[in-house]
Amino acid sequence: MPKPKKIKDQSSFPEDIKKTLDEDKLTIQELSYEESLEKLNTLLSKLQNESLHVDDLKISYLQATLYLEHCENLLNTIEQEVVEIEIDESPL
């Protein structure tokens, strides 16, 4: 499965989808990596359901993208912290 594109511009989305995504962003920011990954896996299972309505498919895809972005951001933050620890502990 190709990696989803990051959501940069929501201006072309219908108002109800924009509202849903804005609410999701606030909620997702509070999740741990594990919680976010679990939600992402749930959405991926939902996306694989062939009987999913097209509008639900779009919203689920966009939500999955938000969860993926959050996971990536958390991993990048941890990676940077590890690099800083390694630099601090390296001999002069």
PDB file of N, CA and C in Angstrom:
ATOM      1  N   MET A   1       0.851  -1.176   0.000  1.00  0.00           N
ATOM      2  CA  MET A   1       0.000   0.000   0.000  1.00  0.00           C
ATOM      3  C   MET A   1       0.895   1.236   0.000  1.00  0.00           C
ATOM      4  N   PRO A   2       0.661   2.180  -0.926  1.00  0.00           N
ATOM      5  CA  PRO A   2       1.483   3.385  -0.965  1.00  0.00           C
ATOM      6  C   PRO A   2       1.264   4.250   0.266  1.00  0.00           C
ATOM      7  N   LYS A   3       2.312   4.968   0.627  1.00  0.00           N
ATOM      8  CA  LYS A   3       2.228   5.841   1.788  1.00  0.00           C
ATOM      9  C   LYS A   3       1.305   7.016   1.486  1.00  0.00           C
ATOM     10  N   PRO A   4       0.343   7.302   2.386  1.00  0.00           N
ATOM     11  CA  PRO A   4      -0.572   8.413   2.121  1.00  0.00           C
ATOM     12  C   PRO A   4       0.153   9.752   2.143  1.00  0.00           C
ATOM     13  N   LYS A   5      -0.344  10.692   1.358  1.00  0.00           N
ATOM     14  CA  LYS A   5       0.215  12.035   1.353  1.00  0.00           C
ATOM     15  C   LYS A   5      -0.239  12.761   2.602  1.00  0.00           C
ATOM     16  N   LYS A   6       0.612  13.661   3.072  1.00  0.00           N
ATOM     17  CA  LYS A   6       0.229  14.462   4.230  1.00  0.00           C
ATOM     18  C   LYS A   6      -0.867  15.431   3.848  1.00  0.00           C
ATOM     19  N   ILE A   7      -1.731  15.698   4.795  1.00  0.00           N
ATOM     20  CA  ILE A   7      -2.834  16.629   4.561  1.00  0.00           C
ATOM     21  C   ILE A   7      -2.317  18.036   4.818  1.00  0.00           C
ATOM     22  N   LYS A   8      -2.182  18.819   3.766  1.00  0.00           N
ATOM     23  CA  LYS A   8      -1.673  20.176   3.913  1.00  0.00           C
ATOM     24  C   LYS A   8      -2.775  21.213   3.757  1.00  0.00           C
ATOM     25  N   ASP A   9      -3.585  21.062   2.737  1.00  0.00           N
ATOM     26  CA  ASP A   9      -4.606  22.058   2.446  1.00  0.00           C
ATOM     27  C   ASP A   9      -5.981  21.413   2.484  1.00  0.00           C
ATOM     28  N   GLN A  10      -6.782  21.825   3.434  1.00  0.00           N
ATOM     29  CA  GLN A  10      -8.123  21.278   3.586  1.00  0.00           C
ATOM     30  C   GLN A  10      -9.180  22.179   2.960  1.00  0.00           C
ATOM     31  N   SER A  11      -8.754  23.232   2.288  1.00  0.00           N
ATOM     32  CA  SER A  11      -9.722  24.208   1.781  1.00  0.00           C
ATOM     33  C   SER A  11     -10.695  23.621   0.764  1.00  0.00           C
ATOM     34  N   SER A  12     -10.285  22.583   0.059  1.00  0.00           N
ATOM     35  CA  SER A  12     -11.173  21.994  -0.940  1.00  0.00           C
ATOM     36  C   SER A  12     -12.129  20.952  -0.351  1.00  0.00           C
ATOM     37  N   PHE A  13     -11.972  20.628   0.922  1.00  0.00           N
ATOM     38  CA  PHE A  13     -12.832  19.631   1.555  1.00  0.00           C
ATOM     39  C   PHE A  13     -14.180  20.243   1.917  1.00  0.00           C
ATOM     40  N   PRO A  14     -15.220  19.438   1.878  1.00  0.00           N
ATOM     41  CA  PRO A  14     -16.529  19.917   2.372  1.00  0.00           C
ATOM     42  C   PRO A  14     -16.434  20.276   3.859  1.00  0.00           C
ATOM     43  N   GLU A  15     -17.299  21.164   4.302  1.00  0.00           N
ATOM     44  CA  GLU A  15     -17.254  21.669   5.682  1.00  0.00           C
ATOM     45  C   GLU A  15     -17.359  20.557   6.727  1.00  0.00           C
ATOM     46  N   ASP A  16     -18.210  19.556   6.476  1.00  0.00           N
ATOM     47  CA  ASP A  16     -18.368  18.495   7.475  1.00  0.00           C
ATOM     48  C   ASP A  16     -17.085  17.677   7.623  1.00  0.00           C
ATOM     49  N   ILE A  17     -16.369  17.474   6.530  1.00  0.00           N
ATOM     50  CA  ILE A  17     -15.100  16.731   6.607  1.00  0.00           C
ATOM     51  C   ILE A  17     -14.048  17.589   7.302  1.00  0.00           C
ATOM     52  N   LYS A  18     -13.996  18.880   6.993  1.00  0.00           N
ATOM     53  CA  LYS A  18     -13.039  19.774   7.666  1.00  0.00           C
ATOM     54  C   LYS A  18     -13.257  19.762   9.173  1.00  0.00           C
ATOM     55  N   LYS A  19     -14.524  19.833   9.579  1.00  0.00           N
ATOM     56  CA  LYS A  19     -14.852  19.845  11.012  1.00  0.00           C
ATOM     57  C   LYS A  19     -14.416  18.535  11.669  1.00  0.00           C
ATOM     58  N   THR A  20     -14.698  17.419  11.017  1.00  0.00           N
ATOM     59  CA  THR A  20     -14.306  16.117  11.550  1.00  0.00           C
ATOM     60  C   THR A  20     -12.793  16.027  11.703  1.00  0.00           C
ATOM     61  N   LEU A  21     -12.070  16.449  10.677  1.00  0.00           N
ATOM     62  CA  LEU A  21     -10.609  16.377  10.730  1.00  0.00           C
ATOM     63  C   LEU A  21     -10.029  17.308  11.790  1.00  0.00           C
ATOM     64  N   ASP A  22     -10.590  18.499  11.927  1.00  0.00           N
ATOM     65  CA  ASP A  22     -10.117  19.426  12.962  1.00  0.00           C
ATOM     66  C   ASP A  22     -10.314  18.834  14.356  1.00  0.00           C
ATOM     67  N   GLU A  23     -11.470  18.225  14.588  1.00  0.00           N
ATOM     68  CA  GLU A  23     -11.735  17.587  15.876  1.00  0.00           C
ATOM     69  C   GLU A  23     -10.788  16.409  16.095  1.00  0.00           C
ATOM     70  N   ASP A  24     -10.555  15.631  15.046  1.00  0.00           N
ATOM     71  CA  ASP A  24      -9.660  14.481  15.145  1.00  0.00           C
ATOM     72  C   ASP A  24      -8.234  14.918  15.468  1.00  0.00           C
ATOM     73  N   LYS A  25      -7.781  16.007  14.859  1.00  0.00           N
ATOM     74  CA  LYS A  25      -6.417  16.493  15.100  1.00  0.00           C
ATOM     75  C   LYS A  25      -6.201  16.782  16.580  1.00  0.00           C
ATOM     76  N   LEU A  26      -7.186  17.432  17.203  1.00  0.00           N
ATOM     77  CA  LEU A  26      -7.064  17.763  18.624  1.00  0.00           C
ATOM     78  C   LEU A  26      -7.000  16.500  19.478  1.00  0.00           C
ATOM     79  N   THR A  27      -7.829  15.537  19.165  1.00  0.00           N
ATOM     80  CA  THR A  27      -7.861  14.288  19.918  1.00  0.00           C
ATOM     81  C   THR A  27      -6.592  13.477  19.701  1.00  0.00           C
ATOM     82  N   ILE A  28      -6.141  13.409  18.473  1.00  0.00           N
ATOM     83  CA  ILE A  28      -4.966  12.595  18.132  1.00  0.00           C
ATOM     84  C   ILE A  28      -3.718  13.109  18.838  1.00  0.00           C
ATOM     85  N   GLN A  29      -3.577  14.420  18.971  1.00  0.00           N
ATOM     86  CA  GLN A  29      -2.396  14.996  19.602  1.00  0.00           C
ATOM     87  C   GLN A  29      -2.209  14.534  21.043  1.00  0.00           C
ATOM     88  N   GLU A  30      -3.282  14.083  21.664  1.00  0.00           N
ATOM     89  CA  GLU A  30      -3.217  13.646  23.057  1.00  0.00           C
ATOM     90  C   GLU A  30      -2.876  12.165  23.195  1.00  0.00           C
ATOM     91  N   LEU A  31      -2.842  11.439  22.077  1.00  0.00           N
ATOM     92  CA  LEU A  31      -2.616   9.997  22.127  1.00  0.00           C
ATOM     93  C   LEU A  31      -1.140   9.650  22.188  1.00  0.00           C
ATOM     94  N   SER A  32      -0.866   8.536  22.829  1.00  0.00           N
ATOM     95  CA  SER A  32       0.490   8.001  22.806  1.00  0.00           C
ATOM     96  C   SER A  32       0.726   7.335  21.455  1.00  0.00           C
ATOM     97  N   TYR A  33       1.961   6.951  21.220  1.00  0.00           N
ATOM     98  CA  TYR A  33       2.292   6.268  19.969  1.00  0.00           C
ATOM     99  C   TYR A  33       1.486   4.978  19.842  1.00  0.00           C
ATOM    100  N   GLU A  34       1.432   4.208  20.908  1.00  0.00           N
ATOM    101  CA  GLU A  34       0.731   2.928  20.890  1.00  0.00           C
ATOM    102  C   GLU A  34      -0.764   3.102  20.638  1.00  0.00           C
ATOM    103  N   GLU A  35      -1.352   4.102  21.290  1.00  0.00           N
ATOM    104  CA  GLU A  35      -2.779   4.361  21.097  1.00  0.00           C
ATOM    105  C   GLU A  35      -3.063   4.794  19.657  1.00  0.00           C
ATOM    106  N   SER A  36      -2.217   5.664  19.154  1.00  0.00           N
ATOM    107  CA  SER A  36      -2.388   6.146  17.793  1.00  0.00           C
ATOM    108  C   SER A  36      -2.205   5.018  16.782  1.00  0.00           C
ATOM    109  N   LEU A  37      -1.244   4.164  17.018  1.00  0.00           N
ATOM    110  CA  LEU A  37      -1.009   3.031  16.127  1.00  0.00           C
ATOM    111  C   LEU A  37      -2.183   2.061  16.145  1.00  0.00           C
ATOM    112  N   GLU A  38      -2.759   1.858  17.317  1.00  0.00           N
ATOM    113  CA  GLU A  38      -3.937   0.989  17.425  1.00  0.00           C
ATOM    114  C   GLU A  38      -5.119   1.564  16.632  1.00  0.00           C
ATOM    115  N   LYS A  39      -5.339   2.863  16.765  1.00  0.00           N
ATOM    116  CA  LYS A  39      -6.412   3.523  16.009  1.00  0.00           C
ATOM    117  C   LYS A  39      -6.139   3.430  14.506  1.00  0.00           C
ATOM    118  N   LEU A  40      -4.887   3.607  14.124  1.00  0.00           N
ATOM    119  CA  LEU A  40      -4.515   3.506  12.715  1.00  0.00           C
ATOM    120  C   LEU A  40      -4.796   2.107  12.182  1.00  0.00           C
ATOM    121  N   ASN A  41      -4.443   1.095  12.942  1.00  0.00           N
ATOM    122  CA  ASN A  41      -4.712  -0.282  12.523  1.00  0.00           C
ATOM    123  C   ASN A  41      -6.211  -0.553  12.392  1.00  0.00           C
ATOM    124  N   THR A  42      -6.998   0.004  13.301  1.00  0.00           N
ATOM    125  CA  THR A  42      -8.451  -0.143  13.214  1.00  0.00           C
ATOM    126  C   THR A  42      -8.984   0.494  11.935  1.00  0.00           C
ATOM    127  N   LEU A  43      -8.481   1.689  11.628  1.00  0.00           N
ATOM    128  CA  LEU A  43      -8.920   2.366  10.412  1.00  0.00           C
ATOM    129  C   LEU A  43      -8.475   1.614   9.156  1.00  0.00           C
ATOM    130  N   LEU A  44      -7.287   1.051   9.188  1.00  0.00           N
ATOM    131  CA  LEU A  44      -6.817   0.293   8.031  1.00  0.00           C
ATOM    132  C   LEU A  44      -7.691  -0.931   7.786  1.00  0.00           C
ATOM    133  N   SER A  45      -8.110  -1.567   8.853  1.00  0.00           N
ATOM    134  CA  SER A  45      -9.033  -2.699   8.710  1.00  0.00           C
ATOM    135  C   SER A  45     -10.354  -2.233   8.113  1.00  0.00           C
ATOM    136  N   LYS A  46     -10.820  -1.085   8.577  1.00  0.00           N
ATOM    137  CA  LYS A  46     -12.068  -0.517   8.059  1.00  0.00           C
ATOM    138  C   LYS A  46     -11.933  -0.182   6.572  1.00  0.00           C
ATOM    139  N   LEU A  47     -10.770   0.353   6.185  1.00  0.00           N
ATOM    140  CA  LEU A  47     -10.536   0.714   4.785  1.00  0.00           C
ATOM    141  C   LEU A  47     -10.521  -0.503   3.866  1.00  0.00           C
ATOM    142  N   GLN A  48     -10.180  -1.650   4.414  1.00  0.00           N
ATOM    143  CA  GLN A  48     -10.132  -2.873   3.614  1.00  0.00           C
ATOM    144  C   GLN A  48     -11.519  -3.484   3.422  1.00  0.00           C
ATOM    145  N   ASN A  49     -12.516  -2.940   4.093  1.00  0.00           N
ATOM    146  CA  ASN A  49     -13.880  -3.421   3.969  1.00  0.00           C
ATOM    147  C   ASN A  49     -14.458  -2.953   2.634  1.00  0.00           C
ATOM    148  N   GLU A  50     -14.771  -3.882   1.773  1.00  0.00           N
ATOM    149  CA  GLU A  50     -15.237  -3.544   0.432  1.00  0.00           C
ATOM    150  C   GLU A  50     -16.626  -2.921   0.417  1.00  0.00           C
ATOM    151  N   SER A  51     -17.368  -3.038   1.491  1.00  0.00           N
ATOM    152  CA  SER A  51     -18.726  -2.486   1.508  1.00  0.00           C
ATOM    153  C   SER A  51     -18.778  -1.067   2.087  1.00  0.00           C
ATOM    154  N   LEU A  52     -17.631  -0.479   2.331  1.00  0.00           N
ATOM    155  CA  LEU A  52     -17.566   0.863   2.909  1.00  0.00           C
ATOM    156  C   LEU A  52     -18.043   1.897   1.887  1.00  0.00           C
ATOM    157  N   HIS A  53     -18.923   2.770   2.313  1.00  0.00           N
ATOM    158  CA  HIS A  53     -19.449   3.839   1.460  1.00  0.00           C
ATOM    159  C   HIS A  53     -18.309   4.788   1.084  1.00  0.00           C
ATOM    160  N   VAL A  54     -18.379   5.369  -0.103  1.00  0.00           N
ATOM    161  CA  VAL A  54     -17.299   6.213  -0.617  1.00  0.00           C
ATOM    162  C   VAL A  54     -16.996   7.386   0.316  1.00  0.00           C
ATOM    163  N   ASP A  55     -18.007   8.044   0.853  1.00  0.00           N
ATOM    164  CA  ASP A  55     -17.774   9.164   1.766  1.00  0.00           C
ATOM    165  C   ASP A  55     -17.071   8.697   3.041  1.00  0.00           C
ATOM    166  N   ASP A  56     -17.474   7.549   3.558  1.00  0.00           N
ATOM    167  CA  ASP A  56     -16.820   6.992   4.744  1.00  0.00           C
ATOM    168  C   ASP A  56     -15.385   6.588   4.424  1.00  0.00           C
ATOM    169  N   LEU A  57     -15.177   6.093   3.222  1.00  0.00           N
ATOM    170  CA  LEU A  57     -13.838   5.713   2.786  1.00  0.00           C
ATOM    171  C   LEU A  57     -12.909   6.918   2.790  1.00  0.00           C
ATOM    172  N   LYS A  58     -13.398   8.027   2.263  1.00  0.00           N
ATOM    173  CA  LYS A  58     -12.589   9.248   2.208  1.00  0.00           C
ATOM    174  C   LYS A  58     -12.242   9.744   3.614  1.00  0.00           C
ATOM    175  N   ILE A  59     -13.246   9.804   4.479  1.00  0.00           N
ATOM    176  CA  ILE A  59     -12.998  10.277   5.847  1.00  0.00           C
ATOM    177  C   ILE A  59     -12.046   9.342   6.580  1.00  0.00           C
ATOM    178  N   SER A  60     -12.242   8.048   6.430  1.00  0.00           N
ATOM    179  CA  SER A  60     -11.370   7.072   7.100  1.00  0.00           C
ATOM    180  C   SER A  60      -9.939   7.188   6.591  1.00  0.00           C
ATOM    181  N   TYR A  61      -9.785   7.385   5.297  1.00  0.00           N
ATOM    182  CA  TYR A  61      -8.448   7.550   4.716  1.00  0.00           C
ATOM    183  C   TYR A  61      -7.774   8.797   5.285  1.00  0.00           C
ATOM    184  N   LEU A  62      -8.505   9.898   5.353  1.00  0.00           N
ATOM    185  CA  LEU A  62      -7.936  11.137   5.876  1.00  0.00           C
ATOM    186  C   LEU A  62      -7.605  11.009   7.363  1.00  0.00           C
ATOM    187  N   GLN A  63      -8.466  10.334   8.109  1.00  0.00           N
ATOM    188  CA  GLN A  63      -8.179  10.105   9.533  1.00  0.00           C
ATOM    189  C   GLN A  63      -6.933   9.229   9.689  1.00  0.00           C
ATOM    190  N   ALA A  64      -6.823   8.198   8.872  1.00  0.00           N
ATOM    191  CA  ALA A  64      -5.643   7.326   8.931  1.00  0.00           C
ATOM    192  C   ALA A  64      -4.382   8.122   8.649  1.00  0.00           C
ATOM    193  N   THR A  65      -4.478   9.062   7.723  1.00  0.00           N
ATOM    194  CA  THR A  65      -3.331   9.914   7.412  1.00  0.00           C
ATOM    195  C   THR A  65      -2.930  10.745   8.630  1.00  0.00           C
ATOM    196  N   LEU A  66      -3.922  11.247   9.360  1.00  0.00           N
ATOM    197  CA  LEU A  66      -3.621  12.020  10.573  1.00  0.00           C
ATOM    198  C   LEU A  66      -2.944  11.157  11.633  1.00  0.00           C
ATOM    199  N   TYR A  67      -3.442   9.936  11.817  1.00  0.00           N
ATOM    200  CA  TYR A  67      -2.815   9.039  12.794  1.00  0.00           C
ATOM    201  C   TYR A  67      -1.386   8.696  12.376  1.00  0.00           C
ATOM    202  N   LEU A  68      -1.187   8.471  11.092  1.00  0.00           N
ATOM    203  CA  LEU A  68       0.156   8.161  10.596  1.00  0.00           C
ATOM    204  C   LEU A  68       1.097   9.335  10.812  1.00  0.00           C
ATOM    205  N   GLU A  69       0.646  10.543  10.496  1.00  0.00           N
ATOM    206  CA  GLU A  69       1.459  11.741  10.728  1.00  0.00           C
ATOM    207  C   GLU A  69       1.832  11.859  12.203  1.00  0.00           C
ATOM    208  N   HIS A  70       0.867  11.595  13.077  1.00  0.00           N
ATOM    209  CA  HIS A  70       1.128  11.692  14.514  1.00  0.00           C
ATOM    210  C   HIS A  70       2.183  10.671  14.947  1.00  0.00           C
ATOM    211  N   CYS A  71       2.051   9.446  14.466  1.00  0.00           N
ATOM    212  CA  CYS A  71       3.044   8.410  14.790  1.00  0.00           C
ATOM    213  C   CYS A  71       4.431   8.813  14.292  1.00  0.00           C
ATOM    214  N   GLU A  72       4.492   9.312  13.077  1.00  0.00           N
ATOM    215  CA  GLU A  72       5.778   9.742  12.512  1.00  0.00           C
ATOM    216  C   GLU A  72       6.381  10.885  13.325  1.00  0.00           C
ATOM    217  N   ASN A  73       5.553  11.835  13.731  1.00  0.00           N
ATOM    218  CA  ASN A  73       6.040  12.957  14.537  1.00  0.00           C
ATOM    219  C   ASN A  73       6.575  12.482  15.881  1.00  0.00           C
ATOM    220  N   LEU A  74       5.860  11.555  16.514  1.00  0.00           N
ATOM    221  CA  LEU A  74       6.321  11.029  17.799  1.00  0.00           C
ATOM    222  C   LEU A  74       7.650  10.288  17.630  1.00  0.00           C
ATOM    223  N   LEU A  75       7.771   9.491  16.591  1.00  0.00           N
ATOM    224  CA  LEU A  75       9.021   8.766  16.348  1.00  0.00           C
ATOM    225  C   LEU A  75      10.176   9.722  16.050  1.00  0.00           C
ATOM    226  N   ASN A  76       9.906  10.765  15.279  1.00  0.00           N
ATOM    227  CA  ASN A  76      10.948  11.747  14.984  1.00  0.00           C
ATOM    228  C   ASN A  76      11.412  12.465  16.244  1.00  0.00           C
ATOM    229  N   THR A  77      10.464  12.775  17.119  1.00  0.00           N
ATOM    230  CA  THR A  77      10.802  13.433  18.382  1.00  0.00           C
ATOM    231  C   THR A  77      11.686  12.529  19.239  1.00  0.00           C
ATOM    232  N   ILE A  78      11.311  11.267  19.337  1.00  0.00           N
ATOM    233  CA  ILE A  78      12.098  10.316  20.125  1.00  0.00           C
ATOM    234  C   ILE A  78      13.476  10.122  19.509  1.00  0.00           C
ATOM    235  N   GLU A  79      13.530  10.030  18.187  1.00  0.00           N
ATOM    236  CA  GLU A  79      14.821   9.874  17.513  1.00  0.00           C
ATOM    237  C   GLU A  79      15.735  11.060  17.813  1.00  0.00           C
ATOM    238  N   GLN A  80      15.181  12.265  17.768  1.00  0.00           N
ATOM    239  CA  GLN A  80      15.973  13.450  18.065  1.00  0.00           C
ATOM    240  C   GLN A  80      16.460  13.436  19.511  1.00  0.00           C
ATOM    241  N   GLU A  81      15.612  13.002  20.433  1.00  0.00           N
ATOM    242  CA  GLU A  81      16.022  12.921  21.838  1.00  0.00           C
ATOM    243  C   GLU A  81      17.154  11.917  22.024  1.00  0.00           C
ATOM    244  N   VAL A  82      17.088  10.792  21.317  1.00  0.00           N
ATOM    245  CA  VAL A  82      18.141   9.778  21.409  1.00  0.00           C
ATOM    246  C   VAL A  82      19.443  10.334  20.850  1.00  0.00           C
ATOM    247  N   VAL A  83      19.380  11.030  19.738  1.00  0.00           N
ATOM    248  CA  VAL A  83      20.573  11.629  19.154  1.00  0.00           C
ATOM    249  C   VAL A  83      21.196  12.629  20.130  1.00  0.00           C
ATOM    250  N   GLU A  84      20.360  13.424  20.781  1.00  0.00           N
ATOM    251  CA  GLU A  84      20.863  14.394  21.757  1.00  0.00           C
ATOM    252  C   GLU A  84      21.506  13.706  22.954  1.00  0.00           C
ATOM    253  N   ILE A  85      20.928  12.593  23.398  1.00  0.00           N
ATOM    254  CA  ILE A  85      21.509  11.829  24.499  1.00  0.00           C
ATOM    255  C   ILE A  85      22.866  11.280  24.082  1.00  0.00           C
ATOM    256  N   GLU A  86      22.954  10.733  22.870  1.00  0.00           N
ATOM    257  CA  GLU A  86      24.213  10.175  22.375  1.00  0.00           C
ATOM    258  C   GLU A  86      25.291  11.251  22.293  1.00  0.00           C
ATOM    259  N   ILE A  87      24.914  12.443  21.854  1.00  0.00           N
ATOM    260  CA  ILE A  87      25.881  13.546  21.749  1.00  0.00           C
ATOM    261  C   ILE A  87      26.339  13.977  23.137  1.00  0.00           C
ATOM    262  N   ASP A  88      25.403  14.065  24.081  1.00  0.00           N
ATOM    263  CA  ASP A  88      25.735  14.464  25.449  1.00  0.00           C
ATOM    264  C   ASP A  88      26.644  13.465  26.121  1.00  0.00           C
ATOM    265  N   GLU A  89      26.495  12.190  25.815  1.00  0.00           N
ATOM    266  CA  GLU A  89      27.272  11.154  26.473  1.00  0.00           C
ATOM    267  C   GLU A  89      28.559  10.798  25.737  1.00  0.00           C
ATOM    268  N   SER A  90      28.771  11.356  24.573  1.00  0.00           N
ATOM    269  CA  SER A  90      29.988  11.007  23.833  1.00  0.00           C
ATOM    270  C   SER A  90      31.193  11.678  24.475  1.00  0.00           C
ATOM    271  N   PRO A  91      32.341  10.964  24.447  1.00  0.00           N
ATOM    272  CA  PRO A  91      33.554  11.552  25.062  1.00  0.00           C
ATOM    273  C   PRO A  91      34.058  12.726  24.220  1.00  0.00           C
ATOM    274  N   LEU A  92      34.624  13.668  24.895  1.00  0.00           N
ATOM    275  CA  LEU A  92      35.141  14.869  24.204  1.00  0.00           C
ATOM    276  C   LEU A  92      36.379  14.605  23.491  1.00  0.00           C
TER     277      LEU A  92
END
